């Protein structure tokens, strides 16, 4: 019986060691600038796929520091995120049209559905490159966001201000542009 117990102990230790649990995490796979370029490209491609074109504002790019799940100590990794705010006033009748256009684009790119709520509509897709994309409706506010993890944490959370040099309060993310198609 001792040999089976020893085998189980060795196998479990091998599993944890190969997954990085006992040996520590691997180094982050990309730098902040590469992560920002990656999420900005996904957001730009998404907005470019919608017609007629929408007016938008890019929110600030931020990085959130990660922590070791066992010790809760900083682990040198982070998650980079940016939100694109739809500035065009989209009528309730056109929200579903917009959601379907975005989702069609993401499906055509081969992105995988992770979560969805058709009631709102809100959904999240992931790309083969590790970017998480979200479409969200909150009242009149429509956002399309992108995040990527496994990024080297630079020691601070601010990356760039996007289209809001004075913070989100300078213009506010409220849709304020009327469009003959989207605002009907």
N, C-alpha and C. Protein backbone atom coordinates (compact mmCIF):
# COMPACT_ATOMS: atom_id res chain seq x y z
N UNK A 1 0.80 -1.19 0.00
CA UNK A 1 0.00 0.00 0.00
C UNK A 1 0.85 1.27 0.00
N UNK A 2 2.03 1.19 0.62
CA UNK A 2 2.90 2.34 0.65
C UNK A 2 3.32 2.78 -0.75
N UNK A 3 3.53 1.84 -1.64
CA UNK A 3 3.97 2.20 -2.99
C UNK A 3 2.89 2.97 -3.73
N UNK A 4 1.63 2.62 -3.55
CA UNK A 4 0.55 3.36 -4.20
C UNK A 4 0.47 4.78 -3.65
N UNK A 5 0.62 4.92 -2.34
CA UNK A 5 0.58 6.24 -1.73
C UNK A 5 1.76 7.09 -2.20
N UNK A 6 2.91 6.51 -2.29
CA UNK A 6 4.09 7.23 -2.77
C UNK A 6 3.89 7.66 -4.22
N UNK A 7 3.32 6.78 -5.05
CA UNK A 7 3.06 7.11 -6.44
C UNK A 7 2.09 8.28 -6.54
N UNK A 8 1.04 8.24 -5.71
CA UNK A 8 0.05 9.31 -5.72
C UNK A 8 0.69 10.63 -5.32
N UNK A 9 1.53 10.61 -4.31
CA UNK A 9 2.21 11.82 -3.85
C UNK A 9 3.13 12.36 -4.94
N UNK A 10 3.90 11.49 -5.57
CA UNK A 10 4.81 11.91 -6.63
C UNK A 10 4.02 12.43 -7.82
N UNK A 11 2.94 11.76 -8.21
CA UNK A 11 2.14 12.20 -9.35
C UNK A 11 1.51 13.55 -9.09
N UNK A 12 0.98 13.74 -7.87
CA UNK A 12 0.38 15.02 -7.53
C UNK A 12 1.42 16.12 -7.56
N UNK A 13 2.59 15.87 -6.98
CA UNK A 13 3.66 16.87 -6.99
C UNK A 13 4.09 17.18 -8.42
N UNK A 14 4.16 16.16 -9.27
CA UNK A 14 4.54 16.39 -10.67
C UNK A 14 3.51 17.26 -11.37
N UNK A 15 2.23 17.01 -11.08
CA UNK A 15 1.16 17.80 -11.70
C UNK A 15 1.28 19.26 -11.28
N UNK A 16 1.45 19.51 -9.98
CA UNK A 16 1.57 20.88 -9.52
C UNK A 16 2.83 21.54 -10.04
N UNK A 17 3.93 20.81 -10.08
CA UNK A 17 5.19 21.37 -10.57
C UNK A 17 5.09 21.71 -12.05
N UNK A 18 4.51 20.84 -12.85
CA UNK A 18 4.42 21.11 -14.29
C UNK A 18 3.44 22.23 -14.59
N UNK A 19 2.45 22.45 -13.72
CA UNK A 19 1.50 23.53 -13.97
C UNK A 19 1.98 24.86 -13.40
N UNK A 20 3.11 24.84 -12.70
CA UNK A 20 3.66 26.08 -12.17
C UNK A 20 3.16 26.42 -10.77
N UNK A 21 2.31 25.58 -10.16
CA UNK A 21 1.75 25.90 -8.86
C UNK A 21 2.83 25.89 -7.78
N UNK A 22 3.69 24.87 -7.78
CA UNK A 22 4.72 24.79 -6.75
C UNK A 22 5.99 25.54 -7.13
N UNK A 23 6.25 25.66 -8.41
CA UNK A 23 7.51 26.26 -8.85
C UNK A 23 7.39 27.76 -9.09
N UNK A 24 6.19 28.32 -9.01
CA UNK A 24 6.01 29.73 -9.30
C UNK A 24 5.49 29.89 -10.72
N UNK A 25 4.97 31.03 -11.02
CA UNK A 25 4.38 31.26 -12.33
C UNK A 25 5.47 31.55 -13.35
N UNK A 26 5.15 31.31 -14.59
CA UNK A 26 6.09 31.64 -15.65
C UNK A 26 6.09 33.16 -15.85
N UNK A 27 7.07 33.63 -16.54
CA UNK A 27 7.19 35.06 -16.79
C UNK A 27 6.05 35.52 -17.70
N UNK A 28 5.58 36.77 -17.52
CA UNK A 28 4.54 37.29 -18.40
C UNK A 28 4.98 37.21 -19.86
N UNK A 29 4.02 36.97 -20.74
CA UNK A 29 4.37 36.72 -22.13
C UNK A 29 4.53 37.97 -22.99
N UNK A 30 4.07 39.15 -22.51
CA UNK A 30 4.21 40.36 -23.34
C UNK A 30 4.33 41.60 -22.47
N UNK A 31 4.84 42.64 -23.11
CA UNK A 31 4.96 43.92 -22.44
C UNK A 31 3.70 44.74 -22.60
N UNK A 32 3.64 45.84 -21.88
CA UNK A 32 2.46 46.70 -21.88
C UNK A 32 2.17 47.26 -23.27
N UNK A 33 3.18 47.76 -23.97
CA UNK A 33 2.95 48.37 -25.28
C UNK A 33 2.37 47.36 -26.27
N UNK A 34 2.89 46.15 -26.26
CA UNK A 34 2.35 45.11 -27.14
C UNK A 34 0.90 44.80 -26.78
N UNK A 35 0.59 44.73 -25.49
CA UNK A 35 -0.78 44.45 -25.05
C UNK A 35 -1.73 45.56 -25.50
N UNK A 36 -1.31 46.82 -25.37
CA UNK A 36 -2.15 47.95 -25.79
C UNK A 36 -2.38 47.90 -27.29
N UNK A 37 -1.32 47.64 -28.07
CA UNK A 37 -1.48 47.53 -29.52
C UNK A 37 -2.47 46.42 -29.88
N UNK A 38 -2.38 45.31 -29.16
CA UNK A 38 -3.24 44.17 -29.43
C UNK A 38 -4.71 44.50 -29.15
N UNK A 39 -5.00 45.09 -27.99
CA UNK A 39 -6.40 45.38 -27.68
C UNK A 39 -6.93 46.54 -28.53
N UNK A 40 -6.08 47.52 -28.82
CA UNK A 40 -6.52 48.63 -29.68
C UNK A 40 -6.85 48.14 -31.08
N UNK A 41 -6.08 47.20 -31.61
CA UNK A 41 -6.36 46.65 -32.94
C UNK A 41 -7.71 45.92 -32.95
N UNK A 42 -8.00 45.17 -31.89
CA UNK A 42 -9.27 44.45 -31.82
C UNK A 42 -10.44 45.43 -31.72
N UNK A 43 -10.29 46.48 -30.92
CA UNK A 43 -11.36 47.47 -30.81
C UNK A 43 -11.55 48.23 -32.12
N UNK A 44 -10.46 48.64 -32.75
CA UNK A 44 -10.55 49.37 -34.02
C UNK A 44 -11.20 48.50 -35.09
N UNK A 45 -10.82 47.24 -35.17
CA UNK A 45 -11.43 46.33 -36.15
C UNK A 45 -12.91 46.13 -35.91
N UNK A 46 -13.29 46.07 -34.65
CA UNK A 46 -14.71 45.90 -34.33
C UNK A 46 -15.51 47.13 -34.74
N UNK A 47 -15.04 48.31 -34.36
CA UNK A 47 -15.76 49.53 -34.72
C UNK A 47 -15.78 49.73 -36.23
N UNK A 48 -14.69 49.38 -36.92
CA UNK A 48 -14.64 49.54 -38.38
C UNK A 48 -15.60 48.59 -39.09
N UNK A 49 -15.96 47.49 -38.45
CA UNK A 49 -16.85 46.51 -39.09
C UNK A 49 -18.31 46.92 -39.07
N UNK A 50 -18.65 47.95 -38.31
CA UNK A 50 -20.04 48.39 -38.15
C UNK A 50 -20.35 49.50 -39.14
N UNK A 51 -21.47 49.35 -39.84
CA UNK A 51 -21.89 50.38 -40.78
C UNK A 51 -23.36 50.67 -40.62
N UNK A 52 -23.75 51.92 -40.77
CA UNK A 52 -22.91 53.10 -40.91
C UNK A 52 -22.00 53.29 -39.70
N UNK A 53 -20.86 53.98 -39.92
CA UNK A 53 -19.88 54.14 -38.84
C UNK A 53 -20.46 54.83 -37.61
N UNK A 54 -19.98 54.41 -36.47
CA UNK A 54 -20.36 55.01 -35.20
C UNK A 54 -19.29 56.00 -34.75
N UNK A 55 -19.70 57.02 -34.03
CA UNK A 55 -18.74 57.90 -33.36
C UNK A 55 -18.40 57.21 -32.04
N UNK A 56 -17.13 57.24 -31.68
CA UNK A 56 -16.71 56.58 -30.44
C UNK A 56 -15.61 57.38 -29.77
N UNK A 57 -15.38 57.07 -28.53
CA UNK A 57 -14.25 57.61 -27.77
C UNK A 57 -13.57 56.44 -27.09
N UNK A 58 -12.24 56.46 -27.13
CA UNK A 58 -11.48 55.42 -26.44
C UNK A 58 -11.26 55.85 -25.00
N UNK A 59 -11.66 54.99 -24.09
CA UNK A 59 -11.40 55.25 -22.68
C UNK A 59 -9.93 55.06 -22.38
N UNK A 60 -9.54 55.37 -21.16
CA UNK A 60 -8.14 55.19 -20.77
C UNK A 60 -7.71 53.73 -20.85
N UNK A 61 -6.45 53.49 -21.17
CA UNK A 61 -5.88 52.14 -21.08
C UNK A 61 -5.26 52.02 -19.69
N UNK A 62 -5.61 50.97 -19.01
CA UNK A 62 -5.14 50.75 -17.65
C UNK A 62 -4.61 49.33 -17.50
N UNK A 63 -3.73 49.14 -16.54
CA UNK A 63 -3.26 47.81 -16.19
C UNK A 63 -3.54 47.58 -14.71
N UNK A 64 -4.06 46.41 -14.41
CA UNK A 64 -4.34 46.02 -13.04
C UNK A 64 -3.32 44.95 -12.65
N UNK A 65 -2.68 45.14 -11.51
CA UNK A 65 -1.66 44.20 -11.06
C UNK A 65 -2.29 42.91 -10.55
N UNK A 66 -1.69 41.80 -10.95
CA UNK A 66 -2.15 40.49 -10.48
C UNK A 66 -1.48 40.10 -9.18
N UNK A 67 -2.06 39.08 -8.54
CA UNK A 67 -1.49 38.59 -7.28
C UNK A 67 -1.50 37.07 -7.28
N UNK A 68 -0.54 36.49 -6.57
CA UNK A 68 -0.47 35.05 -6.41
C UNK A 68 -1.71 34.58 -5.67
N UNK A 69 -2.37 33.56 -6.18
CA UNK A 69 -3.63 33.10 -5.58
C UNK A 69 -3.45 32.46 -4.21
N UNK A 70 -2.25 32.01 -3.88
CA UNK A 70 -2.01 31.40 -2.57
C UNK A 70 -1.57 32.44 -1.54
N UNK A 71 -0.65 33.32 -1.92
CA UNK A 71 -0.07 34.26 -0.96
C UNK A 71 -0.67 35.66 -1.04
N UNK A 72 -1.39 35.95 -2.09
CA UNK A 72 -1.97 37.26 -2.36
C UNK A 72 -0.90 38.34 -2.51
N UNK A 73 0.32 37.93 -2.79
CA UNK A 73 1.42 38.86 -3.04
C UNK A 73 1.45 39.21 -4.53
N UNK A 74 1.85 40.44 -4.88
CA UNK A 74 1.96 40.80 -6.30
C UNK A 74 2.85 39.79 -7.03
N UNK A 75 2.44 39.42 -8.26
CA UNK A 75 3.19 38.40 -9.00
C UNK A 75 3.90 38.94 -10.24
N UNK A 76 3.89 40.24 -10.45
CA UNK A 76 4.59 40.81 -11.60
C UNK A 76 3.80 40.76 -12.89
N UNK A 77 2.59 40.22 -12.84
CA UNK A 77 1.73 40.15 -14.03
C UNK A 77 0.58 41.14 -13.89
N UNK A 78 -0.01 41.47 -15.02
CA UNK A 78 -1.15 42.37 -14.99
C UNK A 78 -2.12 42.08 -16.12
N UNK A 79 -3.24 42.76 -16.06
CA UNK A 79 -4.28 42.69 -17.08
C UNK A 79 -4.45 44.09 -17.65
N UNK A 80 -4.29 44.23 -18.96
CA UNK A 80 -4.46 45.51 -19.64
C UNK A 80 -5.87 45.58 -20.20
N UNK A 81 -6.54 46.72 -20.01
CA UNK A 81 -7.91 46.88 -20.47
C UNK A 81 -8.14 48.26 -21.05
N UNK A 82 -9.04 48.32 -22.02
CA UNK A 82 -9.52 49.59 -22.56
C UNK A 82 -10.98 49.40 -22.96
N UNK A 83 -11.76 50.46 -22.77
CA UNK A 83 -13.16 50.45 -23.16
C UNK A 83 -13.37 51.48 -24.25
N UNK A 84 -14.09 51.08 -25.30
CA UNK A 84 -14.52 52.00 -26.34
C UNK A 84 -15.95 52.41 -26.05
N UNK A 85 -16.20 53.71 -25.93
CA UNK A 85 -17.53 54.23 -25.64
C UNK A 85 -18.21 54.66 -26.93
N UNK A 86 -19.39 54.13 -27.20
CA UNK A 86 -20.17 54.52 -28.38
C UNK A 86 -20.77 55.88 -28.09
N UNK A 87 -20.32 56.90 -28.84
CA UNK A 87 -20.80 58.27 -28.64
C UNK A 87 -22.06 58.55 -29.45
N UNK A 88 -22.29 57.72 -30.46
CA UNK A 88 -23.50 57.86 -31.26
C UNK A 88 -24.70 57.40 -30.43
N UNK A 89 -25.74 58.19 -30.43
CA UNK A 89 -26.98 57.81 -29.75
C UNK A 89 -27.62 56.69 -30.56
N UNK A 90 -27.71 55.49 -29.99
CA UNK A 90 -28.31 54.34 -30.66
C UNK A 90 -29.69 54.12 -30.06
N UNK A 91 -30.71 54.16 -30.91
CA UNK A 91 -32.09 53.97 -30.44
C UNK A 91 -32.27 52.54 -29.94
N UNK A 92 -33.27 52.36 -29.09
CA UNK A 92 -33.56 51.02 -28.56
C UNK A 92 -33.83 50.04 -29.69
N UNK A 93 -34.45 50.49 -30.75
CA UNK A 93 -34.75 49.62 -31.90
C UNK A 93 -33.48 49.19 -32.63
N UNK A 94 -32.42 50.00 -32.57
CA UNK A 94 -31.18 49.70 -33.29
C UNK A 94 -30.12 48.99 -32.43
N UNK A 95 -30.33 48.92 -31.13
CA UNK A 95 -29.36 48.27 -30.26
C UNK A 95 -29.14 46.82 -30.68
N UNK A 96 -30.23 46.11 -30.97
CA UNK A 96 -30.11 44.70 -31.38
C UNK A 96 -29.39 44.60 -32.72
N UNK A 97 -29.64 45.54 -33.63
CA UNK A 97 -28.96 45.56 -34.92
C UNK A 97 -27.46 45.73 -34.71
N UNK A 98 -27.08 46.64 -33.83
CA UNK A 98 -25.67 46.87 -33.53
C UNK A 98 -25.05 45.64 -32.89
N UNK A 99 -25.73 45.05 -31.92
CA UNK A 99 -25.21 43.85 -31.25
C UNK A 99 -25.00 42.72 -32.26
N UNK A 100 -25.94 42.54 -33.15
CA UNK A 100 -25.80 41.47 -34.16
C UNK A 100 -24.64 41.75 -35.11
N UNK A 101 -24.42 43.01 -35.46
CA UNK A 101 -23.30 43.36 -36.36
C UNK A 101 -21.97 43.08 -35.68
N UNK A 102 -21.84 43.43 -34.41
CA UNK A 102 -20.60 43.18 -33.67
C UNK A 102 -20.38 41.68 -33.52
N UNK A 103 -21.43 40.98 -33.13
CA UNK A 103 -21.30 39.54 -32.93
C UNK A 103 -20.98 38.82 -34.25
N UNK A 104 -21.57 39.25 -35.34
CA UNK A 104 -21.28 38.65 -36.65
C UNK A 104 -19.80 38.83 -37.00
N UNK A 105 -19.27 40.01 -36.75
CA UNK A 105 -17.85 40.29 -37.01
C UNK A 105 -16.97 39.39 -36.16
N UNK A 106 -17.27 39.26 -34.88
CA UNK A 106 -16.45 38.44 -33.99
C UNK A 106 -16.51 36.98 -34.38
N UNK A 107 -17.69 36.50 -34.75
CA UNK A 107 -17.82 35.09 -35.18
C UNK A 107 -17.04 34.86 -36.48
N UNK A 108 -17.11 35.81 -37.41
CA UNK A 108 -16.39 35.68 -38.68
C UNK A 108 -14.88 35.63 -38.46
N UNK A 109 -14.41 36.27 -37.41
CA UNK A 109 -12.98 36.26 -37.09
C UNK A 109 -12.57 34.98 -36.36
N UNK A 110 -13.55 34.14 -36.02
CA UNK A 110 -13.24 32.89 -35.33
C UNK A 110 -13.14 33.02 -33.83
N UNK A 111 -13.66 34.12 -33.28
CA UNK A 111 -13.63 34.31 -31.84
C UNK A 111 -14.67 33.39 -31.20
N UNK A 112 -14.41 33.00 -29.95
CA UNK A 112 -15.26 32.03 -29.26
C UNK A 112 -16.14 32.72 -28.21
N UNK A 113 -17.44 32.40 -28.25
CA UNK A 113 -18.39 32.94 -27.28
C UNK A 113 -18.08 32.39 -25.89
N UNK A 114 -17.96 33.29 -24.91
CA UNK A 114 -17.69 32.90 -23.53
C UNK A 114 -18.92 33.07 -22.65
N UNK A 115 -19.60 34.21 -22.77
CA UNK A 115 -20.79 34.52 -21.98
C UNK A 115 -21.74 35.34 -22.82
N UNK A 116 -23.05 35.20 -22.54
CA UNK A 116 -24.02 36.01 -23.26
C UNK A 116 -25.30 36.16 -22.45
N UNK A 117 -25.90 37.33 -22.58
CA UNK A 117 -27.23 37.60 -22.04
C UNK A 117 -27.98 38.31 -23.15
N UNK A 118 -28.90 37.63 -23.76
CA UNK A 118 -29.64 38.22 -24.88
C UNK A 118 -30.68 39.24 -24.41
N UNK A 119 -31.01 39.21 -23.13
CA UNK A 119 -32.00 40.13 -22.60
C UNK A 119 -31.53 41.58 -22.69
N UNK A 120 -30.23 41.80 -22.50
CA UNK A 120 -29.74 43.18 -22.39
C UNK A 120 -29.46 43.84 -23.74
N UNK A 121 -28.75 43.45 -24.73
CA UNK A 121 -27.83 42.33 -24.90
C UNK A 121 -26.41 42.65 -24.41
N UNK A 122 -25.78 41.65 -23.85
CA UNK A 122 -24.41 41.72 -23.39
C UNK A 122 -23.75 40.39 -23.73
N UNK A 123 -22.51 40.43 -24.26
CA UNK A 123 -21.82 39.18 -24.54
C UNK A 123 -20.32 39.39 -24.49
N UNK A 124 -19.62 38.27 -24.32
CA UNK A 124 -18.16 38.28 -24.24
C UNK A 124 -17.61 37.18 -25.15
N UNK A 125 -16.59 37.53 -25.92
CA UNK A 125 -15.91 36.58 -26.80
C UNK A 125 -14.43 36.59 -26.46
N UNK A 126 -13.75 35.50 -26.77
CA UNK A 126 -12.29 35.45 -26.62
C UNK A 126 -11.67 35.15 -27.97
N UNK A 127 -10.49 35.71 -28.19
CA UNK A 127 -9.80 35.53 -29.45
C UNK A 127 -8.71 34.47 -29.28
N UNK A 128 -8.26 33.88 -30.39
CA UNK A 128 -7.16 32.93 -30.30
C UNK A 128 -5.87 33.54 -29.72
N UNK A 129 -5.73 34.86 -29.83
CA UNK A 129 -4.54 35.55 -29.32
C UNK A 129 -4.64 35.87 -27.83
N UNK A 130 -5.75 35.50 -27.18
CA UNK A 130 -5.89 35.72 -25.75
C UNK A 130 -6.54 37.03 -25.35
N UNK A 131 -7.19 37.71 -26.28
CA UNK A 131 -7.88 38.95 -25.96
C UNK A 131 -9.34 38.61 -25.63
N UNK A 132 -9.85 39.21 -24.58
CA UNK A 132 -11.25 39.06 -24.21
C UNK A 132 -11.98 40.33 -24.66
N UNK A 133 -13.06 40.16 -25.41
CA UNK A 133 -13.84 41.28 -25.93
C UNK A 133 -15.24 41.24 -25.34
N UNK A 134 -15.77 42.41 -24.95
CA UNK A 134 -17.12 42.47 -24.40
C UNK A 134 -17.94 43.53 -25.10
N UNK A 135 -19.20 43.23 -25.29
CA UNK A 135 -20.20 44.18 -25.79
C UNK A 135 -21.19 44.33 -24.66
N UNK A 136 -21.45 45.57 -24.24
CA UNK A 136 -22.32 45.78 -23.09
C UNK A 136 -23.23 46.97 -23.31
N UNK A 137 -24.48 46.82 -22.89
CA UNK A 137 -25.47 47.89 -22.95
C UNK A 137 -25.93 48.17 -21.53
N UNK A 138 -25.83 49.44 -21.14
CA UNK A 138 -26.28 49.86 -19.82
C UNK A 138 -27.08 51.14 -20.00
N UNK A 139 -28.39 51.00 -20.18
CA UNK A 139 -29.23 52.16 -20.48
C UNK A 139 -28.89 52.68 -21.87
N UNK A 140 -28.55 53.96 -21.97
CA UNK A 140 -28.15 54.56 -23.25
C UNK A 140 -26.68 54.32 -23.58
N UNK A 141 -25.91 53.88 -22.59
CA UNK A 141 -24.47 53.70 -22.76
C UNK A 141 -24.17 52.33 -23.36
N UNK A 142 -23.47 52.34 -24.48
CA UNK A 142 -23.02 51.09 -25.12
C UNK A 142 -21.50 51.12 -25.13
N UNK A 143 -20.90 50.04 -24.64
CA UNK A 143 -19.44 49.95 -24.61
C UNK A 143 -18.97 48.67 -25.27
N UNK A 144 -17.80 48.75 -25.85
CA UNK A 144 -17.10 47.59 -26.38
C UNK A 144 -15.72 47.63 -25.74
N UNK A 145 -15.42 46.61 -24.97
CA UNK A 145 -14.17 46.60 -24.22
C UNK A 145 -13.27 45.47 -24.64
N UNK A 146 -11.99 45.62 -24.33
CA UNK A 146 -11.00 44.59 -24.63
C UNK A 146 -10.03 44.50 -23.47
N UNK A 147 -9.66 43.27 -23.13
CA UNK A 147 -8.66 43.02 -22.09
C UNK A 147 -7.72 41.92 -22.54
N UNK A 148 -6.51 41.97 -22.04
CA UNK A 148 -5.54 40.90 -22.28
C UNK A 148 -4.74 40.73 -20.99
N UNK A 149 -4.51 39.49 -20.62
CA UNK A 149 -3.76 39.21 -19.39
C UNK A 149 -2.38 38.68 -19.73
N UNK A 150 -1.64 38.29 -18.71
CA UNK A 150 -0.30 37.76 -18.87
C UNK A 150 0.66 38.83 -19.40
N UNK A 151 0.50 40.05 -18.86
CA UNK A 151 1.29 41.20 -19.27
C UNK A 151 2.23 41.57 -18.12
N UNK A 152 3.44 41.94 -18.45
CA UNK A 152 4.41 42.36 -17.44
C UNK A 152 3.93 43.64 -16.77
N UNK A 153 3.78 43.62 -15.45
CA UNK A 153 3.30 44.78 -14.71
C UNK A 153 4.42 45.81 -14.56
N UNK A 154 4.22 47.06 -15.02
CA UNK A 154 5.28 48.07 -15.00
C UNK A 154 5.45 48.80 -13.67
N UNK A 155 4.60 48.54 -12.69
CA UNK A 155 4.71 49.21 -11.40
C UNK A 155 3.72 50.33 -11.19
N UNK A 156 2.87 50.60 -12.18
CA UNK A 156 1.83 51.63 -12.06
C UNK A 156 0.66 51.22 -12.95
N UNK A 157 -0.52 51.75 -12.67
CA UNK A 157 -1.73 51.34 -13.38
C UNK A 157 -2.09 52.16 -14.59
N UNK A 158 -1.57 53.38 -14.69
CA UNK A 158 -1.92 54.25 -15.82
C UNK A 158 -1.03 53.97 -17.01
N UNK A 159 -1.66 53.80 -18.18
CA UNK A 159 -0.90 53.60 -19.41
C UNK A 159 -1.08 54.82 -20.30
N UNK A 160 -2.32 55.12 -20.68
CA UNK A 160 -2.61 56.34 -21.41
C UNK A 160 -4.05 56.76 -21.15
N UNK A 161 -4.36 58.02 -21.44
CA UNK A 161 -5.67 58.58 -21.13
C UNK A 161 -6.71 58.37 -22.23
N UNK A 162 -6.30 57.78 -23.36
CA UNK A 162 -7.25 57.62 -24.46
C UNK A 162 -7.73 58.98 -24.92
N UNK A 163 -9.04 59.09 -25.14
CA UNK A 163 -9.64 60.36 -25.60
C UNK A 163 -10.10 61.23 -24.43
N UNK A 164 -9.67 60.91 -23.21
CA UNK A 164 -10.14 61.62 -22.02
C UNK A 164 -8.95 62.13 -21.19
N UNK A 165 -8.24 63.18 -21.66
CA UNK A 165 -7.06 63.64 -20.95
C UNK A 165 -7.37 64.16 -19.54
N UNK A 166 -8.59 64.58 -19.29
CA UNK A 166 -8.96 65.08 -17.96
C UNK A 166 -9.79 64.06 -17.18
N UNK A 167 -9.72 62.82 -17.59
CA UNK A 167 -10.52 61.78 -16.95
C UNK A 167 -11.86 61.63 -17.65
N UNK A 168 -12.59 60.60 -17.33
CA UNK A 168 -13.87 60.34 -17.99
C UNK A 168 -14.90 61.42 -17.73
N UNK A 169 -14.72 62.22 -16.69
CA UNK A 169 -15.69 63.25 -16.36
C UNK A 169 -15.64 64.48 -17.23
N UNK A 170 -14.57 64.65 -18.05
CA UNK A 170 -14.45 65.88 -18.84
C UNK A 170 -15.49 65.97 -19.94
N UNK A 171 -15.86 64.87 -20.54
CA UNK A 171 -16.88 64.86 -21.57
C UNK A 171 -18.00 63.92 -21.14
N UNK A 172 -17.64 62.91 -20.38
CA UNK A 172 -18.60 61.90 -19.98
C UNK A 172 -18.84 60.92 -21.10
N UNK A 173 -19.07 59.68 -20.76
CA UNK A 173 -19.28 58.68 -21.80
C UNK A 173 -20.71 58.64 -22.35
N UNK A 174 -21.54 59.62 -21.98
CA UNK A 174 -22.92 59.64 -22.44
C UNK A 174 -22.98 59.87 -23.95
N UNK A 175 -23.76 59.05 -24.68
CA UNK A 175 -23.90 59.25 -26.12
C UNK A 175 -24.50 60.63 -26.41
N UNK A 176 -23.84 61.40 -27.27
CA UNK A 176 -24.30 62.76 -27.55
C UNK A 176 -24.25 63.12 -29.04
N UNK A 177 -24.07 62.13 -29.91
CA UNK A 177 -24.00 62.37 -31.35
C UNK A 177 -25.21 61.71 -32.01
N UNK A 178 -25.98 62.49 -32.72
CA UNK A 178 -27.16 61.93 -33.40
C UNK A 178 -26.75 61.48 -34.80
N UNK A 179 -27.39 60.38 -35.25
CA UNK A 179 -27.10 59.80 -36.55
C UNK A 179 -28.44 59.46 -37.21
N UNK A 180 -28.58 59.74 -38.52
CA UNK A 180 -29.87 59.50 -39.19
C UNK A 180 -30.28 58.02 -39.17
N UNK A 181 -29.31 57.12 -39.12
CA UNK A 181 -29.65 55.68 -39.08
C UNK A 181 -29.73 55.17 -37.64
N UNK A 182 -28.66 55.31 -36.89
CA UNK A 182 -28.59 54.70 -35.56
C UNK A 182 -29.54 55.33 -34.54
N UNK A 183 -29.81 56.60 -34.67
CA UNK A 183 -30.61 57.29 -33.66
C UNK A 183 -32.11 57.21 -33.90
N UNK A 184 -32.54 56.61 -35.00
CA UNK A 184 -33.98 56.47 -35.31
C UNK A 184 -34.66 55.52 -34.38
